[in-house]
Amino acid sequence: MKILALEHELSGADPTAVQLKAEAQAVWDLEQSGVIREIYFRADRNAAVIILEAPDVASADAYIQRLPLVASHLIRFELIPLKPYPGFRRLFSQ
């Protein structure tokens, strides 16, 4: 299942360089294992947008909770499950 994860900074967040390096390593590990499929920064603000592949939202949340900035309560992610768009089949099937 594809899951969209939108980062939200929590109030008072001030990560150190050490935390950022640990975060980057954890994200890289998830990318290398195939859990993180795509990662972006939003163009309108400094926040991550991640596409994950996991069996379900609970599994995706377990991966996200292990990220150092999430575990330190500096950021959180809103997780949105995605499904294929069926509209074309409805419109064009005969």
Protein backbone atom coordinates (compact mmCIF):
# COMPACT_ATOMS: atom_id res chain seq x y z
CA MET A 1 0.00 0.00 0.00
CA LYS A 2 1.25 3.47 -0.85
CA ILE A 3 1.09 5.97 1.97
CA LEU A 4 1.64 9.71 1.74
CA ALA A 5 3.41 11.19 4.78
CA LEU A 6 3.27 14.94 5.33
CA GLU A 7 5.66 16.44 7.89
CA HIS A 8 4.41 18.86 10.53
CA GLU A 9 6.89 20.66 12.77
CA LEU A 10 5.97 20.67 16.43
CA SER A 11 6.25 23.86 18.48
CA GLY A 12 9.66 24.59 19.92
CA ALA A 13 11.44 22.30 17.47
CA ASP A 14 15.15 23.06 17.25
CA PRO A 15 17.04 20.01 15.97
CA THR A 16 20.80 19.91 16.35
CA ALA A 17 23.24 18.95 13.62
CA VAL A 18 23.72 15.57 15.35
CA GLN A 19 19.97 14.90 15.23
CA LEU A 20 19.80 15.91 11.57
CA LYS A 21 22.62 13.52 10.65
CA ALA A 22 20.90 10.68 12.55
CA GLU A 23 17.62 11.56 10.82
CA ALA A 24 19.27 11.53 7.40
CA GLN A 25 20.82 8.12 8.14
CA ALA A 26 17.47 6.68 9.31
CA VAL A 27 15.69 8.02 6.21
CA TRP A 28 18.46 6.67 3.97
CA ASP A 29 18.13 3.24 5.62
CA LEU A 30 14.36 3.21 4.99
CA GLU A 31 14.94 4.29 1.39
CA GLN A 32 17.49 1.54 0.87
CA SER A 33 15.12 -1.07 2.33
CA GLY A 34 12.32 -0.03 -0.06
CA VAL A 35 9.99 1.44 2.58
CA ILE A 36 10.56 5.02 1.45
CA ARG A 37 9.92 5.15 -2.29
CA GLU A 38 10.10 8.93 -2.82
CA ILE A 39 11.00 11.92 -0.68
CA TYR A 40 10.58 15.62 -1.37
CA PHE A 41 10.55 18.99 0.32
CA ARG A 42 7.49 21.13 -0.15
CA ALA A 43 8.08 24.16 -2.36
CA ASP A 44 5.92 26.40 -0.15
CA ARG A 45 7.60 25.62 3.20
CA ASN A 46 10.41 23.62 4.75
CA ALA A 47 8.63 20.30 5.31
CA ALA A 48 9.17 16.80 4.01
CA VAL A 49 6.73 14.84 1.87
CA ILE A 50 7.38 11.10 1.75
CA ILE A 51 5.81 8.28 -0.24
CA LEU A 52 6.09 5.02 1.68
CA GLU A 53 5.30 1.45 0.71
CA ALA A 54 3.98 -0.59 3.64
CA PRO A 55 1.36 -3.29 4.26
CA ASP A 56 -0.90 -0.78 6.05
CA VAL A 57 -0.95 2.58 7.82
CA ALA A 58 -0.02 1.03 11.18
CA SER A 59 3.14 -0.46 9.67
CA ALA A 60 4.03 2.85 8.02
CA ASP A 61 3.51 4.62 11.33
CA ALA A 62 5.83 2.16 13.08
CA TYR A 63 8.58 3.02 10.58
CA ILE A 64 7.95 6.76 10.92
CA GLN A 65 7.97 6.62 14.73
CA ARG A 66 11.54 5.28 14.65
CA LEU A 67 12.86 8.38 12.91
CA PRO A 68 14.97 10.36 15.42
CA LEU A 69 13.17 13.70 14.95
CA VAL A 70 9.79 11.99 15.38
CA ALA A 71 10.98 10.00 18.40
CA SER A 72 12.31 13.26 19.92
CA HIS A 73 8.89 14.92 19.39
CA LEU A 74 10.33 17.60 17.12
CA ILE A 75 8.18 16.67 14.11
CA ARG A 76 5.21 14.45 13.36
CA PHE A 77 3.82 13.03 10.15
CA GLU A 78 0.26 12.94 8.91
CA LEU A 79 -0.19 9.57 7.18
CA ILE A 80 -2.63 9.33 4.30
CA PRO A 81 -3.34 5.93 2.68
CA LEU A 82 -3.58 6.02 -1.10
CA LYS A 83 -5.38 3.80 -3.59
CA PRO A 84 -5.40 3.69 -7.39
CA TYR A 85 -7.66 6.16 -9.17
CA PRO A 86 -10.58 4.22 -10.76
CA GLY A 87 -12.14 7.11 -12.68
CA PHE A 88 -10.83 6.33 -16.14
CA ARG A 89 -12.22 2.80 -16.04
CA ARG A 90 -15.65 4.14 -15.09
CA LEU A 91 -15.56 6.75 -17.86
CA PHE A 92 -14.09 4.77 -20.72
CA SER A 93 -15.07 1.13 -20.23
CA GLN A 94 -17.74 -0.11 -22.59
